[in-house]
Amino acid sequence: MPLEHRIPTMTEDVARNALVSFVNSKCCYGNKAAGELVIQDLRQLTLYRYRLETFNESRLSEWTFEPLTSNLVDGPQNGTSPRPWDIKVQTPPLFQDDTRKFRIPHSSLVKACHKCHGHGRYKCSGCQGAGWMRCVSCSGTRQRRKQQRRCQMCSGTGRKRCSTCSGRGNKTCMTCQGEKKLLHFKQLIITWKNNVFEFVSEHQLDFPGELLSKVNGENVFKDENVLVYPIIDFPKPEISLASQRAIAEHNAAFTASSRILQQNKRSLQARSGGKIQQSRQDKYSSPLKALSRQTIELIPITEVHYQYAGKTYLYFIYGLENKVYTLDYPERYCCGCTII
């Protein structure tokens, strides 16, 4: 059975109901046209979406610090710090982006705070340590110039308490939070990122292709492993070419700088009579660095031609969710809505 036959045939009832649901979700669309339109033609097309996902892990260590709040310091006296890739952590759900930070064991040391030089406080920059500032109302003259009487803002003193330090002349050091010392340590930053390459087979429809990334299709092929191989002999040659290009790009970008995440036994699902093959290498000698997954999906898209009030219009139904895209719906009363 051809792969395209896996998608149910679009009917007039389904096409109309999809448009009605779409119209009802829009505040400025009337539903009269959706209920009374006359469907003239349903042109159903099936597109192939190839997607390669490479889930890689990268690690970076850097020095950081925090206020010293405990006498327990895990420093070199407790042993040698492990290398970044020797630290075992739990991997997040596969193919989902995540970032986590960990303190590297035995890397801590104590230093005096560089901001306050170990005093816990530092001179206020607003009053330069004086605790007061010149009155802005009388400019320090103690009286209002025009009225020749005592300034009410400063009670005739010519100065006011510094609002920045509340008159103390100094402030608590925010770097060490008044603790005077800092705990310096190496921090491990682990980033898991799902890198996606996506290709949709060519079509001649007046339809924005980026919408197809937001819907589901019928999966006909899935291959997941530390290393996946390019697809060959797929019924649509452009899919095979996309697979070759995607794998080459991801291998060049990620296999030299990332970590092996999981060694899976290769799974091949081709639930059709068509023959889907992969090119192979007898041996891959260098370490593999990421987990990859490639899939091929059938995405249905239907071009619906209809007539309403003597005029001809067009809308599209796409994805297994039967989402609707239209540009010229006849009962649109205002502009500003996103038409997807």
C-alpha atoms as a PDB file:
ATOM      1  CA  MET A   1       0.000   0.000   0.000  1.00  0.00           C
ATOM      2  CA  PRO A   2       1.453   3.445  -0.906  1.00  0.00           C
ATOM      3  CA  LEU A   3       2.427   5.584   2.068  1.00  0.00           C
ATOM      4  CA  GLU A   4      -0.117   8.269   1.160  1.00  0.00           C
ATOM      5  CA  HIS A   5      -2.984   5.845   1.724  1.00  0.00           C
ATOM      6  CA  ARG A   6      -2.311   5.916   5.461  1.00  0.00           C
ATOM      7  CA  ILE A   7      -4.026   9.327   5.676  1.00  0.00           C
ATOM      8  CA  PRO A   8      -7.874   9.311   5.783  1.00  0.00           C
ATOM      9  CA  THR A   9      -9.646  10.926   2.838  1.00  0.00           C
ATOM     10  CA  MET A  10     -10.935  14.417   3.548  1.00  0.00           C
ATOM     11  CA  THR A  11     -14.737  14.719   3.308  1.00  0.00           C
ATOM     12  CA  GLU A  12     -16.970  17.772   2.955  1.00  0.00           C
ATOM     13  CA  ASP A  13     -18.355  17.307   6.466  1.00  0.00           C
ATOM     14  CA  VAL A  14     -14.903  17.173   8.029  1.00  0.00           C
ATOM     15  CA  ALA A  15     -13.753  20.173   5.968  1.00  0.00           C
ATOM     16  CA  ARG A  16     -16.775  22.235   6.993  1.00  0.00           C
ATOM     17  CA  ASN A  17     -16.511  21.303  10.674  1.00  0.00           C
ATOM     18  CA  ALA A  18     -12.831  22.255  10.686  1.00  0.00           C
ATOM     19  CA  LEU A  19     -13.670  25.705   9.312  1.00  0.00           C
ATOM     20  CA  VAL A  20     -16.544  26.166  11.778  1.00  0.00           C
ATOM     21  CA  SER A  21     -14.222  25.359  14.705  1.00  0.00           C
ATOM     22  CA  PHE A  22     -11.643  27.766  13.345  1.00  0.00           C
ATOM     23  CA  VAL A  23     -14.180  30.579  12.884  1.00  0.00           C
ATOM     24  CA  ASN A  24     -15.624  30.089  16.362  1.00  0.00           C
ATOM     25  CA  SER A  25     -12.155  30.567  17.838  1.00  0.00           C
ATOM     26  CA  LYS A  26     -11.839  34.019  16.243  1.00  0.00           C
ATOM     27  CA  CYS A  27     -13.507  37.013  17.848  1.00  0.00           C
ATOM     28  CA  CYS A  28     -13.953  38.922  14.593  1.00  0.00           C
ATOM     29  CA  TYR A  29     -15.138  36.139  12.295  1.00  0.00           C
ATOM     30  CA  GLY A  30     -18.815  35.495  11.574  1.00  0.00           C
ATOM     31  CA  ASN A  31     -19.999  31.879  11.411  1.00  0.00           C
ATOM     32  CA  LYS A  32     -22.792  32.354   8.884  1.00  0.00           C
ATOM     33  CA  ALA A  33     -20.507  31.855   5.886  1.00  0.00           C
ATOM     34  CA  ALA A  34     -18.958  28.725   7.422  1.00  0.00           C
ATOM     35  CA  GLY A  35     -22.410  27.185   7.761  1.00  0.00           C
ATOM     36  CA  GLU A  36     -23.802  28.190   4.352  1.00  0.00           C
ATOM     37  CA  LEU A  37     -20.809  27.915   2.038  1.00  0.00           C
ATOM     38  CA  VAL A  38     -20.869  25.497  -0.878  1.00  0.00           C
ATOM     39  CA  ILE A  39     -17.736  23.372  -1.194  1.00  0.00           C
ATOM     40  CA  GLN A  40     -16.780  23.007  -4.845  1.00  0.00           C
ATOM     41  CA  ASP A  41     -13.505  21.096  -4.697  1.00  0.00           C
ATOM     42  CA  LEU A  42     -11.278  19.256  -2.210  1.00  0.00           C
ATOM     43  CA  ARG A  43      -7.700  18.861  -3.385  1.00  0.00           C
ATOM     44  CA  GLN A  44      -5.862  16.614  -0.960  1.00  0.00           C
ATOM     45  CA  LEU A  45      -2.093  16.470  -0.858  1.00  0.00           C
ATOM     46  CA  THR A  46       0.302  14.614   1.424  1.00  0.00           C
ATOM     47  CA  LEU A  47       3.641  16.175   2.300  1.00  0.00           C
ATOM     48  CA  TYR A  48       6.648  14.453   3.839  1.00  0.00           C
ATOM     49  CA  ARG A  49       8.363  16.033   6.812  1.00  0.00           C
ATOM     50  CA  TYR A  50      11.860  14.817   7.644  1.00  0.00           C
ATOM     51  CA  ARG A  51      13.215  15.778  11.039  1.00  0.00           C
ATOM     52  CA  LEU A  52      16.620  15.095  12.588  1.00  0.00           C
ATOM     53  CA  GLU A  53      17.043  15.810  16.291  1.00  0.00           C
ATOM     54  CA  THR A  54      20.458  15.676  17.919  1.00  0.00           C
ATOM     55  CA  PHE A  55      20.323  15.799  21.696  1.00  0.00           C
ATOM     56  CA  ASN A  56      23.732  16.794  22.970  1.00  0.00           C
ATOM     57  CA  GLU A  57      25.273  17.631  26.299  1.00  0.00           C
ATOM     58  CA  SER A  58      27.996  20.226  26.816  1.00  0.00           C
ATOM     59  CA  ARG A  59      29.871  21.033  30.012  1.00  0.00           C
ATOM     60  CA  LEU A  60      31.657  24.181  31.133  1.00  0.00           C
ATOM     61  CA  SER A  61      33.406  24.894  34.434  1.00  0.00           C
ATOM     62  CA  GLU A  62      34.033  28.400  35.708  1.00  0.00           C
ATOM     63  CA  TRP A  63      35.032  30.103  38.954  1.00  0.00           C
ATOM     64  CA  THR A  64      32.320  31.821  40.957  1.00  0.00           C
ATOM     65  CA  PHE A  65      31.781  32.891  44.564  1.00  0.00           C
ATOM     66  CA  GLU A  66      29.188  33.426  47.263  1.00  0.00           C
ATOM     67  CA  PRO A  67      29.197  34.894  50.815  1.00  0.00           C
ATOM     68  CA  LEU A  68      30.880  32.606  53.334  1.00  0.00           C
ATOM     69  CA  THR A  69      28.101  31.518  55.676  1.00  0.00           C
ATOM     70  CA  SER A  70      29.518  28.246  57.000  1.00  0.00           C
ATOM     71  CA  ASN A  71      32.794  26.980  58.400  1.00  0.00           C
ATOM     72  CA  LEU A  72      32.499  23.812  56.300  1.00  0.00           C
ATOM     73  CA  VAL A  73      34.737  24.347  53.286  1.00  0.00           C
ATOM     74  CA  ASP A  74      35.162  21.478  50.819  1.00  0.00           C
ATOM     75  CA  GLY A  75      38.611  22.354  49.552  1.00  0.00           C
ATOM     76  CA  PRO A  76      41.639  20.533  48.108  1.00  0.00           C
ATOM     77  CA  GLN A  77      42.397  19.119  51.556  1.00  0.00           C
ATOM     78  CA  ASN A  78      39.522  16.689  50.983  1.00  0.00           C
ATOM     79  CA  GLY A  79      40.894  15.355  47.708  1.00  0.00           C
ATOM     80  CA  THR A  80      41.436  16.194  44.077  1.00  0.00           C
ATOM     81  CA  SER A  81      38.551  17.811  42.189  1.00  0.00           C
ATOM     82  CA  PRO A  82      37.009  15.515  39.564  1.00  0.00           C
ATOM     83  CA  ARG A  83      37.147  16.526  35.933  1.00  0.00           C
ATOM     84  CA  PRO A  84      33.905  17.962  34.490  1.00  0.00           C
ATOM     85  CA  TRP A  85      33.059  14.823  32.503  1.00  0.00           C
ATOM     86  CA  ASP A  86      33.761  12.548  35.482  1.00  0.00           C
ATOM     87  CA  ILE A  87      30.899  14.027  37.509  1.00  0.00           C
ATOM     88  CA  LYS A  88      27.791  11.860  37.305  1.00  0.00           C
ATOM     89  CA  VAL A  89      24.467  13.646  37.034  1.00  0.00           C
ATOM     90  CA  GLN A  90      20.979  12.536  36.126  1.00  0.00           C
ATOM     91  CA  THR A  91      20.128  13.209  32.491  1.00  0.00           C
ATOM     92  CA  PRO A  92      16.871  15.138  31.951  1.00  0.00           C
ATOM     93  CA  PRO A  93      14.115  13.778  29.673  1.00  0.00           C
ATOM     94  CA  LEU A  94      15.589  13.085  26.250  1.00  0.00           C
ATOM     95  CA  PHE A  95      15.233  15.678  23.500  1.00  0.00           C
ATOM     96  CA  GLN A  96      14.268  18.446  25.935  1.00  0.00           C
ATOM     97  CA  ASP A  97      16.427  21.527  26.539  1.00  0.00           C
ATOM     98  CA  ASP A  98      17.730  22.024  30.071  1.00  0.00           C
ATOM     99  CA  THR A  99      20.563  23.734  31.969  1.00  0.00           C
ATOM    100  CA  ARG A 100      21.810  22.850  35.447  1.00  0.00           C
ATOM    101  CA  LYS A 101      24.612  24.103  37.683  1.00  0.00           C
ATOM    102  CA  PHE A 102      26.634  22.082  40.196  1.00  0.00           C
ATOM    103  CA  ARG A 103      29.435  22.880  42.627  1.00  0.00           C
ATOM    104  CA  ILE A 104      32.515  20.834  41.770  1.00  0.00           C
ATOM    105  CA  PRO A 105      33.672  18.869  44.849  1.00  0.00           C
ATOM    106  CA  HIS A 106      36.949  19.820  46.597  1.00  0.00           C
ATOM    107  CA  SER A 107      37.295  23.082  44.624  1.00  0.00           C
ATOM    108  CA  SER A 108      36.346  25.566  47.361  1.00  0.00           C
ATOM    109  CA  LEU A 109      38.637  28.148  48.983  1.00  0.00           C
ATOM    110  CA  VAL A 110      38.085  31.206  51.182  1.00  0.00           C
ATOM    111  CA  LYS A 111      39.201  34.746  50.355  1.00  0.00           C
ATOM    112  CA  ALA A 112      38.592  38.192  51.779  1.00  0.00           C
ATOM    113  CA  CYS A 113      35.853  40.069  49.962  1.00  0.00           C
ATOM    114  CA  HIS A 114      37.384  42.045  47.113  1.00  0.00           C
ATOM    115  CA  LYS A 115      34.610  44.643  47.193  1.00  0.00           C
ATOM    116  CA  CYS A 116      34.915  45.784  50.822  1.00  0.00           C
ATOM    117  CA  HIS A 117      38.468  44.461  51.393  1.00  0.00           C
ATOM    118  CA  GLY A 118      37.235  42.222  54.205  1.00  0.00           C
ATOM    119  CA  HIS A 119      35.460  44.929  56.228  1.00  0.00           C
ATOM    120  CA  GLY A 120      31.903  43.856  55.517  1.00  0.00           C
ATOM    121  CA  ARG A 121      30.914  47.475  54.822  1.00  0.00           C
ATOM    122  CA  TYR A 122      32.102  50.185  52.489  1.00  0.00           C
ATOM    123  CA  LYS A 123      31.921  53.973  52.342  1.00  0.00           C
ATOM    124  CA  CYS A 124      28.693  55.348  50.955  1.00  0.00           C
ATOM    125  CA  SER A 125      29.199  56.763  47.475  1.00  0.00           C
ATOM    126  CA  GLY A 126      26.315  59.194  47.915  1.00  0.00           C
ATOM    127  CA  CYS A 127      27.698  61.177  50.861  1.00  0.00           C
ATOM    128  CA  GLN A 128      31.317  59.996  50.666  1.00  0.00           C
ATOM    129  CA  GLY A 129      31.112  58.670  54.220  1.00  0.00           C
ATOM    130  CA  ALA A 130      29.865  61.912  55.817  1.00  0.00           C
ATOM    131  CA  GLY A 131      26.365  60.643  56.502  1.00  0.00           C
ATOM    132  CA  TRP A 132      24.790  63.862  55.288  1.00  0.00           C
ATOM    133  CA  MET A 133      24.428  65.850  52.059  1.00  0.00           C
ATOM    134  CA  ARG A 134      23.915  69.505  51.175  1.00  0.00           C
ATOM    135  CA  CYS A 135      20.285  70.566  51.218  1.00  0.00           C
ATOM    136  CA  VAL A 136      19.083  70.873  47.631  1.00  0.00           C
ATOM    137  CA  SER A 137      16.406  73.401  48.614  1.00  0.00           C
ATOM    138  CA  CYS A 138      18.701  76.095  50.052  1.00  0.00           C
ATOM    139  CA  SER A 139      21.955  74.820  48.533  1.00  0.00           C
ATOM    140  CA  GLY A 140      23.494  74.732  52.020  1.00  0.00           C
ATOM    141  CA  THR A 141      22.871  78.430  52.823  1.00  0.00           C
ATOM    142  CA  ARG A 142      20.345  77.513  55.581  1.00  0.00           C
ATOM    143  CA  GLN A 143      17.761  79.981  54.322  1.00  0.00           C
ATOM    144  CA  ARG A 144      15.606  80.535  51.276  1.00  0.00           C
ATOM    145  CA  ARG A 145      17.168  83.263  49.162  1.00  0.00           C
ATOM    146  CA  LYS A 146      14.018  85.109  48.118  1.00  0.00           C
ATOM    147  CA  GLN A 147      12.169  84.776  51.407  1.00  0.00           C
ATOM    148  CA  GLN A 148      15.218  85.495  53.625  1.00  0.00           C
ATOM    149  CA  ARG A 149      14.053  83.053  56.250  1.00  0.00           C
ATOM    150  CA  ARG A 150      15.162  79.702  57.570  1.00  0.00           C
ATOM    151  CA  CYS A 151      14.918  76.825  55.128  1.00  0.00           C
ATOM    152  CA  GLN A 152      12.117  74.514  56.163  1.00  0.00           C
ATOM    153  CA  MET A 153      13.514  71.549  54.258  1.00  0.00           C
ATOM    154  CA  CYS A 154      16.664  71.282  56.367  1.00  0.00           C
ATOM    155  CA  SER A 155      15.436  73.197  59.478  1.00  0.00           C
ATOM    156  CA  GLY A 156      18.139  75.772  58.876  1.00  0.00           C
ATOM    157  CA  THR A 157      21.047  73.356  59.060  1.00  0.00           C
ATOM    158  CA  GLY A 158      21.942  73.519  55.399  1.00  0.00           C
ATOM    159  CA  ARG A 159      22.212  69.778  55.145  1.00  0.00           C
ATOM    160  CA  LYS A 160      20.099  66.633  55.187  1.00  0.00           C
ATOM    161  CA  ARG A 161      20.679  63.068  56.204  1.00  0.00           C
ATOM    162  CA  CYS A 162      21.929  60.922  53.341  1.00  0.00           C
ATOM    163  CA  SER A 163      19.054  58.790  52.092  1.00  0.00           C
ATOM    164  CA  THR A 164      21.401  56.271  50.481  1.00  0.00           C
ATOM    165  CA  CYS A 165      23.014  55.103  53.738  1.00  0.00           C
ATOM    166  CA  SER A 166      20.408  56.491  56.190  1.00  0.00           C
ATOM    167  CA  GLY A 167      23.067  58.748  57.718  1.00  0.00           C
ATOM    168  CA  ARG A 168      25.482  55.980  58.679  1.00  0.00           C
ATOM    169  CA  GLY A 169      28.150  56.994  56.173  1.00  0.00           C
ATOM    170  CA  ASN A 170      28.643  53.399  55.064  1.00  0.00           C
ATOM    171  CA  LYS A 171      26.639  50.519  53.645  1.00  0.00           C
ATOM    172  CA  THR A 172      26.606  46.783  54.072  1.00  0.00           C
ATOM    173  CA  CYS A 173      28.636  45.157  51.323  1.00  0.00           C
ATOM    174  CA  MET A 174      26.216  43.445  48.965  1.00  0.00           C
ATOM    175  CA  THR A 175      28.958  41.218  47.549  1.00  0.00           C
ATOM    176  CA  CYS A 176      29.677  39.420  50.816  1.00  0.00           C
ATOM    177  CA  GLN A 177      26.441  40.521  52.536  1.00  0.00           C
ATOM    178  CA  GLY A 178      28.486  41.747  55.484  1.00  0.00           C
ATOM    179  CA  GLU A 179      30.240  38.396  56.027  1.00  0.00           C
ATOM    180  CA  LYS A 180      33.664  39.907  55.135  1.00  0.00           C
ATOM    181  CA  LYS A 181      34.773  36.708  53.365  1.00  0.00           C
ATOM    182  CA  LEU A 182      33.798  34.932  50.160  1.00  0.00           C
ATOM    183  CA  LEU A 183      33.708  31.250  49.317  1.00  0.00           C
ATOM    184  CA  HIS A 184      35.214  30.774  45.861  1.00  0.00           C
ATOM    185  CA  PHE A 185      34.545  27.500  44.031  1.00  0.00           C
ATOM    186  CA  LYS A 186      34.381  25.960  40.593  1.00  0.00           C
ATOM    187  CA  GLN A 187      30.890  25.692  39.174  1.00  0.00           C
ATOM    188  CA  LEU A 188      29.951  23.110  36.564  1.00  0.00           C
ATOM    189  CA  ILE A 189      27.388  24.295  34.030  1.00  0.00           C
ATOM    190  CA  ILE A 190      25.763  21.479  32.064  1.00  0.00           C
ATOM    191  CA  THR A 191      23.629  22.321  29.054  1.00  0.00           C
ATOM    192  CA  TRP A 192      21.416  19.826  27.281  1.00  0.00           C
ATOM    193  CA  LYS A 193      20.152  21.058  23.941  1.00  0.00           C
ATOM    194  CA  ASN A 194      17.946  19.491  21.298  1.00  0.00           C
ATOM    195  CA  ASN A 195      19.164  20.637  17.895  1.00  0.00           C
ATOM    196  CA  VAL A 196      16.543  20.224  15.169  1.00  0.00           C
ATOM    197  CA  PHE A 197      16.913  19.997  11.411  1.00  0.00           C
ATOM    198  CA  GLU A 198      13.596  19.975   9.568  1.00  0.00           C
ATOM    199  CA  PHE A 199      12.733  19.590   5.902  1.00  0.00           C
ATOM    200  CA  VAL A 200       9.316  19.461   4.227  1.00  0.00           C
ATOM    201  CA  SER A 201       8.942  18.068   0.718  1.00  0.00           C
ATOM    202  CA  GLU A 202       8.295  20.568  -2.032  1.00  0.00           C
ATOM    203  CA  HIS A 203       4.799  21.724  -2.916  1.00  0.00           C
ATOM    204  CA  GLN A 204       3.210  24.373  -5.139  1.00  0.00           C
ATOM    205  CA  LEU A 205       0.551  25.525  -2.693  1.00  0.00           C
ATOM    206  CA  ASP A 206       0.176  29.142  -1.583  1.00  0.00           C
ATOM    207  CA  PHE A 207       0.644  28.081   2.004  1.00  0.00           C
ATOM    208  CA  PRO A 208       3.190  29.260   4.632  1.00  0.00           C
ATOM    209  CA  GLY A 209       5.455  26.299   5.255  1.00  0.00           C
ATOM    210  CA  GLU A 210       6.380  27.357   8.800  1.00  0.00           C
ATOM    211  CA  LEU A 211       2.872  26.376   9.960  1.00  0.00           C
ATOM    212  CA  LEU A 212       3.660  22.729   9.270  1.00  0.00           C
ATOM    213  CA  SER A 213       6.182  22.704  12.128  1.00  0.00           C
ATOM    214  CA  LYS A 214       3.332  23.219  14.580  1.00  0.00           C
ATOM    215  CA  VAL A 215       1.223  20.174  13.666  1.00  0.00           C
ATOM    216  CA  ASN A 216       1.552  16.408  13.895  1.00  0.00           C
ATOM    217  CA  GLY A 217       1.758  13.957  11.030  1.00  0.00           C
ATOM    218  CA  GLU A 218       1.487  10.203  10.591  1.00  0.00           C
ATOM    219  CA  ASN A 219       4.829   8.685  11.530  1.00  0.00           C
ATOM    220  CA  VAL A 220       6.120   6.170   8.988  1.00  0.00           C
ATOM    221  CA  PHE A 221       9.785   5.989   9.972  1.00  0.00           C
ATOM    222  CA  LYS A 222      11.768   6.401  13.181  1.00  0.00           C
ATOM    223  CA  ASP A 223      15.418   5.749  13.884  1.00  0.00           C
ATOM    224  CA  GLU A 224      16.986   6.578  17.251  1.00  0.00           C
ATOM    225  CA  ASN A 225      20.585   5.871  18.213  1.00  0.00           C
ATOM    226  CA  VAL A 226      23.839   7.463  19.282  1.00  0.00           C
ATOM    227  CA  LEU A 227      24.615   7.514  15.574  1.00  0.00           C
ATOM    228  CA  VAL A 228      22.003   7.401  12.834  1.00  0.00           C
ATOM    229  CA  TYR A 229      22.816   6.783   9.192  1.00  0.00           C
ATOM    230  CA  PRO A 230      21.539   8.636   6.125  1.00  0.00           C
ATOM    231  CA  ILE A 231      18.367   7.296   4.545  1.00  0.00           C
ATOM    232  CA  ILE A 232      18.621   6.016   1.003  1.00  0.00           C
ATOM    233  CA  ASP A 233      16.076   4.782  -1.556  1.00  0.00           C
ATOM    234  CA  PHE A 234      13.125   6.574   0.014  1.00  0.00           C
ATOM    235  CA  PRO A 235      10.234   6.973  -2.491  1.00  0.00           C
ATOM    236  CA  LYS A 236      10.779  10.744  -2.407  1.00  0.00           C
ATOM    237  CA  PRO A 237      14.448  11.397  -3.347  1.00  0.00           C
ATOM    238  CA  GLU A 238      14.451  14.850  -1.721  1.00  0.00           C
ATOM    239  CA  ILE A 239      13.873  13.197   1.663  1.00  0.00           C
ATOM    240  CA  SER A 240      16.950  11.003   1.221  1.00  0.00           C
ATOM    241  CA  LEU A 241      18.992  14.047   0.235  1.00  0.00           C
ATOM    242  CA  ALA A 242      17.709  15.988   3.240  1.00  0.00           C
ATOM    243  CA  SER A 243      18.708  13.113   5.530  1.00  0.00           C
ATOM    244  CA  GLN A 244      22.212  13.018   4.108  1.00  0.00           C
ATOM    245  CA  ARG A 245      22.634  16.778   4.442  1.00  0.00           C
ATOM    246  CA  ALA A 246      21.198  16.929   7.967  1.00  0.00           C
ATOM    247  CA  ILE A 247      23.341  14.122   9.357  1.00  0.00           C
ATOM    248  CA  ALA A 248      26.485  15.570   7.813  1.00  0.00           C
ATOM    249  CA  GLU A 249      25.763  18.982   9.334  1.00  0.00           C
ATOM    250  CA  HIS A 250      24.982  17.637  12.798  1.00  0.00           C
ATOM    251  CA  ASN A 251      27.965  15.288  12.855  1.00  0.00           C
ATOM    252  CA  ALA A 252      30.274  18.140  11.969  1.00  0.00           C
ATOM    253  CA  ALA A 253      28.744  20.450  14.564  1.00  0.00           C
ATOM    254  CA  PHE A 254      28.265  18.194  17.578  1.00  0.00           C
ATOM    255  CA  THR A 255      30.334  15.009  17.559  1.00  0.00           C
ATOM    256  CA  ALA A 256      33.569  16.803  18.407  1.00  0.00           C
ATOM    257  CA  SER A 257      32.332  18.870  21.358  1.00  0.00           C
ATOM    258  CA  SER A 258      29.582  16.961  23.147  1.00  0.00           C
ATOM    259  CA  ARG A 259      29.101  13.882  25.284  1.00  0.00           C
ATOM    260  CA  ILE A 260      27.652  10.427  24.628  1.00  0.00           C
ATOM    261  CA  LEU A 261      24.224  10.498  26.247  1.00  0.00           C
ATOM    262  CA  GLN A 262      22.863   7.034  25.685  1.00  0.00           C
ATOM    263  CA  GLN A 263      23.684   3.974  23.647  1.00  0.00           C
ATOM    264  CA  ASN A 264      20.425   2.691  22.179  1.00  0.00           C
ATOM    265  CA  LYS A 265      19.833  -0.299  20.007  1.00  0.00           C
ATOM    266  CA  ARG A 266      18.720   0.999  16.634  1.00  0.00           C
ATOM    267  CA  SER A 267      14.959   0.941  16.140  1.00  0.00           C
ATOM    268  CA  LEU A 268      13.495   1.001  12.684  1.00  0.00           C
ATOM    269  CA  GLN A 269       9.797   1.442  12.172  1.00  0.00           C
ATOM    270  CA  ALA A 270       8.596   1.454   8.590  1.00  0.00           C
ATOM    271  CA  ARG A 271       4.938   0.577   8.743  1.00  0.00           C
ATOM    272  CA  SER A 272       4.404   0.483   5.009  1.00  0.00           C
ATOM    273  CA  GLY A 273       5.056  -1.710   2.038  1.00  0.00           C
ATOM    274  CA  GLY A 274       7.623   0.685   0.641  1.00  0.00           C
ATOM    275  CA  LYS A 275      11.303  -0.119   1.114  1.00  0.00           C
ATOM    276  CA  ILE A 276      13.244   2.262   3.333  1.00  0.00           C
ATOM    277  CA  GLN A 277      16.971   1.647   3.688  1.00  0.00           C
ATOM    278  CA  GLN A 278      19.873   3.278   5.436  1.00  0.00           C
ATOM    279  CA  SER A 279      23.466   3.459   4.296  1.00  0.00           C
ATOM    280  CA  ARG A 280      25.881   1.886   6.811  1.00  0.00           C
ATOM    281  CA  GLN A 281      29.480   1.932   7.864  1.00  0.00           C
ATOM    282  CA  ASP A 282      31.158  -1.248   9.064  1.00  0.00           C
ATOM    283  CA  LYS A 283      32.866   0.456  11.971  1.00  0.00           C
ATOM    284  CA  TYR A 284      32.816   3.845  13.639  1.00  0.00           C
ATOM    285  CA  SER A 285      36.083   4.055  15.518  1.00  0.00           C
ATOM    286  CA  SER A 286      35.943   7.471  17.169  1.00  0.00           C
ATOM    287  CA  PRO A 287      33.751   8.116  20.238  1.00  0.00           C
ATOM    288  CA  LEU A 288      30.203   9.198  19.491  1.00  0.00           C
ATOM    289  CA  LYS A 289      29.039  12.297  21.274  1.00  0.00           C
ATOM    290  CA  ALA A 290      25.251  12.673  21.100  1.00  0.00           C
ATOM    291  CA  LEU A 291      21.936  10.901  20.847  1.00  0.00           C
ATOM    292  CA  SER A 292      20.101  11.403  17.563  1.00  0.00           C
ATOM    293  CA  ARG A 293      16.613  10.722  16.311  1.00  0.00           C
ATOM    294  CA  GLN A 294      15.371  10.989  12.749  1.00  0.00           C
ATOM    295  CA  THR A 295      11.742  10.647  11.712  1.00  0.00           C
ATOM    296  CA  ILE A 296       9.640  10.862   8.581  1.00  0.00           C
ATOM    297  CA  GLU A 297       6.017  11.905   8.871  1.00  0.00           C
ATOM    298  CA  LEU A 298       3.149  12.198   6.422  1.00  0.00           C
ATOM    299  CA  ILE A 299       1.433  15.552   6.859  1.00  0.00           C
ATOM    300  CA  PRO A 300      -1.972  15.867   5.173  1.00  0.00           C
ATOM    301  CA  ILE A 301      -2.949  19.197   3.653  1.00  0.00           C
ATOM    302  CA  THR A 302      -6.203  19.855   1.805  1.00  0.00           C
ATOM    303  CA  GLU A 303      -6.967  22.807  -0.443  1.00  0.00           C
ATOM    304  CA  VAL A 304     -10.680  23.604  -0.046  1.00  0.00           C
ATOM    305  CA  HIS A 305     -12.364  25.660  -2.761  1.00  0.00           C
ATOM    306  CA  TYR A 306     -15.818  26.971  -1.889  1.00  0.00           C
ATOM    307  CA  GLN A 307     -18.420  29.485  -2.974  1.00  0.00           C
ATOM    308  CA  TYR A 308     -20.329  31.963  -0.828  1.00  0.00           C
ATOM    309  CA  ALA A 309     -22.573  34.849  -1.908  1.00  0.00           C
ATOM    310  CA  GLY A 310     -21.590  34.366  -5.542  1.00  0.00           C
ATOM    311  CA  LYS A 311     -17.834  34.577  -4.897  1.00  0.00           C
ATOM    312  CA  THR A 312     -15.154  31.908  -4.772  1.00  0.00           C
ATOM    313  CA  TYR A 313     -12.864  31.505  -1.779  1.00  0.00           C
ATOM    314  CA  LEU A 314     -10.133  29.177  -0.553  1.00  0.00           C
ATOM    315  CA  TYR A 315      -8.855  27.765   2.737  1.00  0.00           C
ATOM    316  CA  PHE A 316      -6.442  25.027   3.786  1.00  0.00           C
ATOM    317  CA  ILE A 317      -6.789  22.174   6.282  1.00  0.00           C
ATOM    318  CA  TYR A 318      -3.466  20.792   7.493  1.00  0.00           C
ATOM    319  CA  GLY A 319      -2.041  18.326   9.999  1.00  0.00           C
ATOM    320  CA  LEU A 320      -3.701  15.446  11.814  1.00  0.00           C
ATOM    321  CA  GLU A 321      -5.330  18.101  14.034  1.00  0.00           C
ATOM    322  CA  ASN A 322      -7.221  19.527  11.009  1.00  0.00           C
ATOM    323  CA  LYS A 323      -5.992  23.055  11.624  1.00  0.00           C
ATOM    324  CA  VAL A 324      -7.210  25.761   9.235  1.00  0.00           C
ATOM    325  CA  TYR A 325      -5.383  28.520   7.393  1.00  0.00           C
ATOM    326  CA  THR A 326      -7.254  31.148   5.400  1.00  0.00           C
ATOM    327  CA  LEU A 327      -6.560  34.603   4.061  1.00  0.00           C
ATOM    328  CA  ASP A 328      -9.862  35.666   2.524  1.00  0.00           C
ATOM    329  CA  TYR A 329     -12.676  34.472   4.766  1.00  0.00           C
ATOM    330  CA  PRO A 330     -15.795  36.449   3.645  1.00  0.00           C
ATOM    331  CA  GLU A 331     -17.101  37.389   7.109  1.00  0.00           C
ATOM    332  CA  ARG A 332     -14.178  39.038   8.749  1.00  0.00           C
ATOM    333  CA  TYR A 333     -15.258  42.229  10.487  1.00  0.00           C
ATOM    334  CA  CYS A 334     -12.007  43.673  11.736  1.00  0.00           C
ATOM    335  CA  CYS A 335      -8.296  43.310  11.237  1.00  0.00           C
ATOM    336  CA  GLY A 336      -5.590  42.517  13.733  1.00  0.00           C
ATOM    337  CA  CYS A 337      -6.244  38.814  14.347  1.00  0.00           C
ATOM    338  CA  THR A 338      -3.542  36.270  13.679  1.00  0.00           C
ATOM    339  CA  ILE A 339      -4.808  34.035  10.883  1.00  0.00           C
ATOM    340  CA  ILE A 340      -3.503  30.567  11.632  1.00  0.00           C
END
